[in-house]
Amino acid sequence: MQIYYNSKTDLLYLRLESGEQTVVNKQVTEDIVLDIGEGDKIIGIEILDASKHVNLESLMPVEYLKAG
């Protein structure tokens, strides 16, 4: 599992599966989007406004993505 956080957009992404594959996005709440891959497996979880939902310090270290 890989965890990415973009501080400019406050977006947290949990990548559960590695490798390239076609995904379908399924919004399950206003702030949570699931990436569904082959065989209906969840391969990623996107959390918008992450600092409102997750204690980001507990996830350290995470890989920060540079925006722009």
PDB file of N, CA and C in Angstrom:
ATOM      1  N   MET A   1       0.850  -1.172   0.000  1.00  0.00           N
ATOM      2  CA  MET A   1       0.000   0.000   0.000  1.00  0.00           C
ATOM      3  C   MET A   1       0.895   1.233   0.000  1.00  0.00           C
ATOM      4  N   GLN A   2       0.480   2.226  -0.771  1.00  0.00           N
ATOM      5  CA  GLN A   2       1.175   3.505  -0.819  1.00  0.00           C
ATOM      6  C   GLN A   2       0.195   4.596  -0.413  1.00  0.00           C
ATOM      7  N   ILE A   3       0.711   5.601   0.278  1.00  0.00           N
ATOM      8  CA  ILE A   3      -0.121   6.711   0.730  1.00  0.00           C
ATOM      9  C   ILE A   3       0.475   8.002   0.194  1.00  0.00           C
ATOM     10  N   TYR A   4      -0.359   8.793  -0.478  1.00  0.00           N
ATOM     11  CA  TYR A   4       0.070  10.074  -1.027  1.00  0.00           C
ATOM     12  C   TYR A   4      -0.809  11.178  -0.455  1.00  0.00           C
ATOM     13  N   TYR A   5      -0.200  12.316  -0.142  1.00  0.00           N
ATOM     14  CA  TYR A   5      -0.968  13.453   0.350  1.00  0.00           C
ATOM     15  C   TYR A   5      -0.526  14.709  -0.392  1.00  0.00           C
ATOM     16  N   ASN A   6      -1.508  15.462  -0.891  1.00  0.00           N
ATOM     17  CA  ASN A   6      -1.252  16.733  -1.549  1.00  0.00           C
ATOM     18  C   ASN A   6      -1.759  17.827  -0.620  1.00  0.00           C
ATOM     19  N   SER A   7      -0.836  18.574  -0.024  1.00  0.00           N
ATOM     20  CA  SER A   7      -1.220  19.581   0.966  1.00  0.00           C
ATOM     21  C   SER A   7      -1.930  20.779   0.340  1.00  0.00           C
ATOM     22  N   LYS A   8      -1.662  21.066  -0.936  1.00  0.00           N
ATOM     23  CA  LYS A   8      -2.333  22.207  -1.579  1.00  0.00           C
ATOM     24  C   LYS A   8      -3.814  21.941  -1.803  1.00  0.00           C
ATOM     25  N   THR A   9      -4.149  20.711  -2.133  1.00  0.00           N
ATOM     26  CA  THR A   9      -5.551  20.368  -2.392  1.00  0.00           C
ATOM     27  C   THR A   9      -6.183  19.617  -1.225  1.00  0.00           C
ATOM     28  N   ASP A  10      -5.387  19.291  -0.204  1.00  0.00           N
ATOM     29  CA  ASP A  10      -5.834  18.519   0.964  1.00  0.00           C
ATOM     30  C   ASP A  10      -6.468  17.201   0.523  1.00  0.00           C
ATOM     31  N   LEU A  11      -5.778  16.538  -0.415  1.00  0.00           N
ATOM     32  CA  LEU A  11      -6.253  15.273  -0.956  1.00  0.00           C
ATOM     33  C   LEU A  11      -5.330  14.149  -0.494  1.00  0.00           C
ATOM     34  N   LEU A  12      -5.922  13.108   0.039  1.00  0.00           N
ATOM     35  CA  LEU A  12      -5.186  11.926   0.474  1.00  0.00           C
ATOM     36  C   LEU A  12      -5.570  10.779  -0.442  1.00  0.00           C
ATOM     37  N   TYR A  13      -4.548  10.059  -0.946  1.00  0.00           N
ATOM     38  CA  TYR A  13      -4.826   8.920  -1.817  1.00  0.00           C
ATOM     39  C   TYR A  13      -4.138   7.691  -1.255  1.00  0.00           C
ATOM     40  N   LEU A  14      -4.916   6.641  -1.042  1.00  0.00           N
ATOM     41  CA  LEU A  14      -4.382   5.360  -0.585  1.00  0.00           C
ATOM     42  C   LEU A  14      -4.408   4.408  -1.770  1.00  0.00           C
ATOM     43  N   ARG A  15      -3.238   4.018  -2.220  1.00  0.00           N
ATOM     44  CA  ARG A  15      -3.128   3.096  -3.352  1.00  0.00           C
ATOM     45  C   ARG A  15      -2.962   1.691  -2.785  1.00  0.00           C
ATOM     46  N   LEU A  16      -3.943   0.843  -3.038  1.00  0.00           N
ATOM     47  CA  LEU A  16      -3.946  -0.503  -2.473  1.00  0.00           C
ATOM     48  C   LEU A  16      -3.313  -1.531  -3.398  1.00  0.00           C
ATOM     49  N   GLU A  17      -3.347  -1.265  -4.707  1.00  0.00           N
ATOM     50  CA  GLU A  17      -2.801  -2.186  -5.705  1.00  0.00           C
ATOM     51  C   GLU A  17      -1.845  -1.422  -6.600  1.00  0.00           C
ATOM     52  N   SER A  18      -0.731  -2.018  -6.932  1.00  0.00           N
ATOM     53  CA  SER A  18       0.196  -1.369  -7.851  1.00  0.00           C
ATOM     54  C   SER A  18      -0.060  -1.868  -9.269  1.00  0.00           C
ATOM     55  N   GLY A  19       0.510  -1.180 -10.221  1.00  0.00           N
ATOM     56  CA  GLY A  19       0.355  -1.577 -11.616  1.00  0.00           C
ATOM     57  C   GLY A  19      -0.722  -0.783 -12.323  1.00  0.00           C
ATOM     58  N   GLU A  20      -0.587  -0.743 -13.631  1.00  0.00           N
ATOM     59  CA  GLU A  20      -1.533  -0.014 -14.470  1.00  0.00           C
ATOM     60  C   GLU A  20      -2.759  -0.878 -14.743  1.00  0.00           C
ATOM     61  N   GLN A  21      -3.919  -0.278 -14.630  1.00  0.00           N
ATOM     62  CA  GLN A  21      -5.149  -0.947 -15.018  1.00  0.00           C
ATOM     63  C   GLN A  21      -6.252   0.082 -15.197  1.00  0.00           C
ATOM     64  N   THR A  22      -7.262  -0.303 -15.915  1.00  0.00           N
ATOM     65  CA  THR A  22      -8.405   0.567 -16.128  1.00  0.00           C
ATOM     66  C   THR A  22      -9.228   0.598 -14.850  1.00  0.00           C
ATOM     67  N   VAL A  23      -9.620   1.810 -14.444  1.00  0.00           N
ATOM     68  CA  VAL A  23     -10.396   1.941 -13.213  1.00  0.00           C
ATOM     69  C   VAL A  23     -11.688   2.695 -13.471  1.00  0.00           C
ATOM     70  N   VAL A  24     -12.651   2.445 -12.611  1.00  0.00           N
ATOM     71  CA  VAL A  24     -13.915   3.171 -12.591  1.00  0.00           C
ATOM     72  C   VAL A  24     -13.986   3.859 -11.240  1.00  0.00           C
ATOM     73  N   ASN A  25     -14.340   5.141 -11.242  1.00  0.00           N
ATOM     74  CA  ASN A  25     -14.470   5.885  -9.989  1.00  0.00           C
ATOM     75  C   ASN A  25     -15.888   5.772  -9.473  1.00  0.00           C
ATOM     76  N   LYS A  26     -16.008   5.489  -8.175  1.00  0.00           N
ATOM     77  CA  LYS A  26     -17.322   5.408  -7.542  1.00  0.00           C
ATOM     78  C   LYS A  26     -17.317   6.311  -6.317  1.00  0.00           C
ATOM     79  N   GLN A  27     -18.099   7.376  -6.377  1.00  0.00           N
ATOM     80  CA  GLN A  27     -18.179   8.297  -5.245  1.00  0.00           C
ATOM     81  C   GLN A  27     -19.133   7.711  -4.215  1.00  0.00           C
ATOM     82  N   VAL A  28     -18.611   7.454  -3.011  1.00  0.00           N
ATOM     83  CA  VAL A  28     -19.429   6.831  -1.970  1.00  0.00           C
ATOM     84  C   VAL A  28     -19.941   7.834  -0.943  1.00  0.00           C
ATOM     85  N   THR A  29     -19.238   8.943  -0.775  1.00  0.00           N
ATOM     86  CA  THR A  29     -19.714  10.070   0.035  1.00  0.00           C
ATOM     87  C   THR A  29     -19.261  11.333  -0.678  1.00  0.00           C
ATOM     88  N   GLU A  30     -19.601  12.469  -0.118  1.00  0.00           N
ATOM     89  CA  GLU A  30     -19.199  13.737  -0.727  1.00  0.00           C
ATOM     90  C   GLU A  30     -17.678  13.853  -0.824  1.00  0.00           C
ATOM     91  N   ASP A  31     -16.959  13.239   0.110  1.00  0.00           N
ATOM     92  CA  ASP A  31     -15.508  13.392   0.184  1.00  0.00           C
ATOM     93  C   ASP A  31     -14.708  12.125  -0.092  1.00  0.00           C
ATOM     94  N   ILE A  32     -15.361  11.018  -0.400  1.00  0.00           N
ATOM     95  CA  ILE A  32     -14.635   9.762  -0.611  1.00  0.00           C
ATOM     96  C   ILE A  32     -14.998   9.153  -1.960  1.00  0.00           C
ATOM     97  N   VAL A  33     -13.933   8.851  -2.726  1.00  0.00           N
ATOM     98  CA  VAL A  33     -14.098   8.239  -4.040  1.00  0.00           C
ATOM     99  C   VAL A  33     -13.270   6.958  -4.063  1.00  0.00           C
ATOM    100  N   LEU A  34     -13.884   5.869  -4.494  1.00  0.00           N
ATOM    101  CA  LEU A  34     -13.181   4.596  -4.631  1.00  0.00           C
ATOM    102  C   LEU A  34     -12.766   4.408  -6.079  1.00  0.00           C
ATOM    103  N   ASP A  35     -11.563   3.897  -6.292  1.00  0.00           N
ATOM    104  CA  ASP A  35     -11.116   3.484  -7.615  1.00  0.00           C
ATOM    105  C   ASP A  35     -11.310   1.977  -7.687  1.00  0.00           C
ATOM    106  N   ILE A  36     -12.198   1.552  -8.568  1.00  0.00           N
ATOM    107  CA  ILE A  36     -12.523   0.133  -8.718  1.00  0.00           C
ATOM    108  C   ILE A  36     -11.824  -0.390  -9.968  1.00  0.00           C
ATOM    109  N   GLY A  37     -11.066  -1.463  -9.800  1.00  0.00           N
ATOM    110  CA  GLY A  37     -10.325  -2.041 -10.910  1.00  0.00           C
ATOM    111  C   GLY A  37     -10.964  -3.324 -11.406  1.00  0.00           C
ATOM    112  N   GLU A  38     -10.149  -4.090 -12.092  1.00  0.00           N
ATOM    113  CA  GLU A  38     -10.602  -5.355 -12.664  1.00  0.00           C
ATOM    114  C   GLU A  38     -11.110  -6.287 -11.569  1.00  0.00           C
ATOM    115  N   GLY A  39     -12.164  -7.004 -11.861  1.00  0.00           N
ATOM    116  CA  GLY A  39     -12.747  -7.925 -10.894  1.00  0.00           C
ATOM    117  C   GLY A  39     -13.442  -7.223  -9.750  1.00  0.00           C
ATOM    118  N   ASP A  40     -13.802  -5.958  -9.961  1.00  0.00           N
ATOM    119  CA  ASP A  40     -14.479  -5.146  -8.938  1.00  0.00           C
ATOM    120  C   ASP A  40     -13.671  -5.012  -7.648  1.00  0.00           C
ATOM    121  N   LYS A  41     -12.334  -5.050  -7.767  1.00  0.00           N
ATOM    122  CA  LYS A  41     -11.467  -4.871  -6.602  1.00  0.00           C
ATOM    123  C   LYS A  41     -11.216  -3.384  -6.382  1.00  0.00           C
ATOM    124  N   ILE A  42     -11.235  -2.966  -5.129  1.00  0.00           N
ATOM    125  CA  ILE A  42     -10.882  -1.586  -4.795  1.00  0.00           C
ATOM    126  C   ILE A  42      -9.366  -1.474  -4.877  1.00  0.00           C
ATOM    127  N   ILE A  43      -8.889  -0.602  -5.766  1.00  0.00           N
ATOM    128  CA  ILE A  43      -7.442  -0.446  -5.910  1.00  0.00           C
ATOM    129  C   ILE A  43      -6.938   0.876  -5.338  1.00  0.00           C
ATOM    130  N   GLY A  44      -7.869   1.792  -5.045  1.00  0.00           N
ATOM    131  CA  GLY A  44      -7.461   3.063  -4.475  1.00  0.00           C
ATOM    132  C   GLY A  44      -8.611   3.762  -3.783  1.00  0.00           C
ATOM    133  N   ILE A  45      -8.266   4.596  -2.816  1.00  0.00           N
ATOM    134  CA  ILE A  45      -9.259   5.379  -2.083  1.00  0.00           C
ATOM    135  C   ILE A  45      -8.784   6.824  -2.068  1.00  0.00           C
ATOM    136  N   GLU A  46      -9.624   7.709  -2.563  1.00  0.00           N
ATOM    137  CA  GLU A  46      -9.326   9.138  -2.613  1.00  0.00           C
ATOM    138  C   GLU A  46     -10.163   9.832  -1.543  1.00  0.00           C
ATOM    139  N   ILE A  47      -9.516  10.604  -0.682  1.00  0.00           N
ATOM    140  CA  ILE A  47     -10.227  11.303   0.385  1.00  0.00           C
ATOM    141  C   ILE A  47     -10.019  12.803   0.201  1.00  0.00           C
ATOM    142  N   LEU A  48     -11.102  13.497  -0.134  1.00  0.00           N
ATOM    143  CA  LEU A  48     -11.070  14.945  -0.294  1.00  0.00           C
ATOM    144  C   LEU A  48     -11.213  15.596   1.075  1.00  0.00           C
ATOM    145  N   ASP A  49     -10.670  16.796   1.231  1.00  0.00           N
ATOM    146  CA  ASP A  49     -10.676  17.471   2.542  1.00  0.00           C
ATOM    147  C   ASP A  49     -10.157  16.521   3.621  1.00  0.00           C
ATOM    148  N   ALA A  50      -9.048  15.887   3.314  1.00  0.00           N
ATOM    149  CA  ALA A  50      -8.519  14.811   4.152  1.00  0.00           C
ATOM    150  C   ALA A  50      -8.264  15.224   5.592  1.00  0.00           C
ATOM    151  N   SER A  51      -7.801  16.445   5.802  1.00  0.00           N
ATOM    152  CA  SER A  51      -7.473  16.860   7.171  1.00  0.00           C
ATOM    153  C   SER A  51      -8.699  16.924   8.071  1.00  0.00           C
ATOM    154  N   LYS A  52      -9.889  16.940   7.479  1.00  0.00           N
ATOM    155  CA  LYS A  52     -11.124  16.919   8.268  1.00  0.00           C
ATOM    156  C   LYS A  52     -11.504  15.503   8.702  1.00  0.00           C
ATOM    157  N   HIS A  53     -10.980  14.499   7.991  1.00  0.00           N
ATOM    158  CA  HIS A  53     -11.399  13.115   8.208  1.00  0.00           C
ATOM    159  C   HIS A  53     -10.328  12.216   8.823  1.00  0.00           C
ATOM    160  N   VAL A  54      -9.064  12.586   8.645  1.00  0.00           N
ATOM    161  CA  VAL A  54      -7.971  11.692   9.009  1.00  0.00           C
ATOM    162  C   VAL A  54      -6.934  12.466   9.820  1.00  0.00           C
ATOM    163  N   ASN A  55      -6.393  11.834  10.843  1.00  0.00           N
ATOM    164  CA  ASN A  55      -5.264  12.407  11.568  1.00  0.00           C
ATOM    165  C   ASN A  55      -4.025  12.158  10.714  1.00  0.00           C
ATOM    166  N   LEU A  56      -3.643  13.158   9.932  1.00  0.00           N
ATOM    167  CA  LEU A  56      -2.558  12.994   8.967  1.00  0.00           C
ATOM    168  C   LEU A  56      -1.222  12.685   9.632  1.00  0.00           C
ATOM    169  N   GLU A  57      -0.995  13.183  10.821  1.00  0.00           N
ATOM    170  CA  GLU A  57       0.263  12.917  11.522  1.00  0.00           C
ATOM    171  C   GLU A  57       0.436  11.435  11.832  1.00  0.00           C
ATOM    172  N   SER A  58      -0.663  10.723  12.002  1.00  0.00           N
ATOM    173  CA  SER A  58      -0.572   9.291  12.295  1.00  0.00           C
ATOM    174  C   SER A  58      -0.153   8.486  11.072  1.00  0.00           C
ATOM    175  N   LEU A  59      -0.200   9.094   9.891  1.00  0.00           N
ATOM    176  CA  LEU A  59       0.172   8.404   8.659  1.00  0.00           C
ATOM    177  C   LEU A  59       1.621   8.646   8.268  1.00  0.00           C
ATOM    178  N   MET A  60       2.323   9.460   9.019  1.00  0.00           N
ATOM    179  CA  MET A  60       3.696   9.819   8.662  1.00  0.00           C
ATOM    180  C   MET A  60       4.580   8.589   8.702  1.00  0.00           C
ATOM    181  N   PRO A  61       5.576   8.476   7.848  1.00  0.00           N
ATOM    182  CA  PRO A  61       5.826   9.396   6.744  1.00  0.00           C
ATOM    183  C   PRO A  61       4.952   9.046   5.547  1.00  0.00           C
ATOM    184  N   VAL A  62       4.506  10.059   4.846  1.00  0.00           N
ATOM    185  CA  VAL A  62       3.780   9.862   3.600  1.00  0.00           C
ATOM    186  C   VAL A  62       4.555  10.552   2.498  1.00  0.00           C
ATOM    187  N   GLU A  63       4.289  10.178   1.260  1.00  0.00           N
ATOM    188  CA  GLU A  63       4.930  10.814   0.127  1.00  0.00           C
ATOM    189  C   GLU A  63       4.091  12.016  -0.268  1.00  0.00           C
ATOM    190  N   TYR A  64       4.696  13.188  -0.203  1.00  0.00           N
ATOM    191  CA  TYR A  64       3.992  14.411  -0.576  1.00  0.00           C
ATOM    192  C   TYR A  64       4.166  14.646  -2.071  1.00  0.00           C
ATOM    193  N   LEU A  65       3.061  14.912  -2.747  1.00  0.00           N
ATOM    194  CA  LEU A  65       3.106  15.202  -4.170  1.00  0.00           C
ATOM    195  C   LEU A  65       3.182  16.702  -4.369  1.00  0.00           C
ATOM    196  N   LYS A  66       4.059  17.121  -5.270  1.00  0.00           N
ATOM    197  CA  LYS A  66       4.165  18.540  -5.576  1.00  0.00           C
ATOM    198  C   LYS A  66       3.070  18.916  -6.559  1.00  0.00           C
ATOM    199  N   ALA A  67       2.279  19.909  -6.200  1.00  0.00           N
ATOM    200  CA  ALA A  67       1.198  20.363  -7.081  1.00  0.00           C
ATOM    201  C   ALA A  67       1.772  21.344  -8.091  1.00  0.00           C
ATOM    202  N   GLY A  68       1.200  21.282  -9.305  1.00  0.00           N
ATOM    203  CA  GLY A  68       1.581  22.269 -10.304  1.00  0.00           C
ATOM    204  C   GLY A  68       2.514  21.768 -11.266  1.00  0.00           C
TER     205      GLY A  68
END
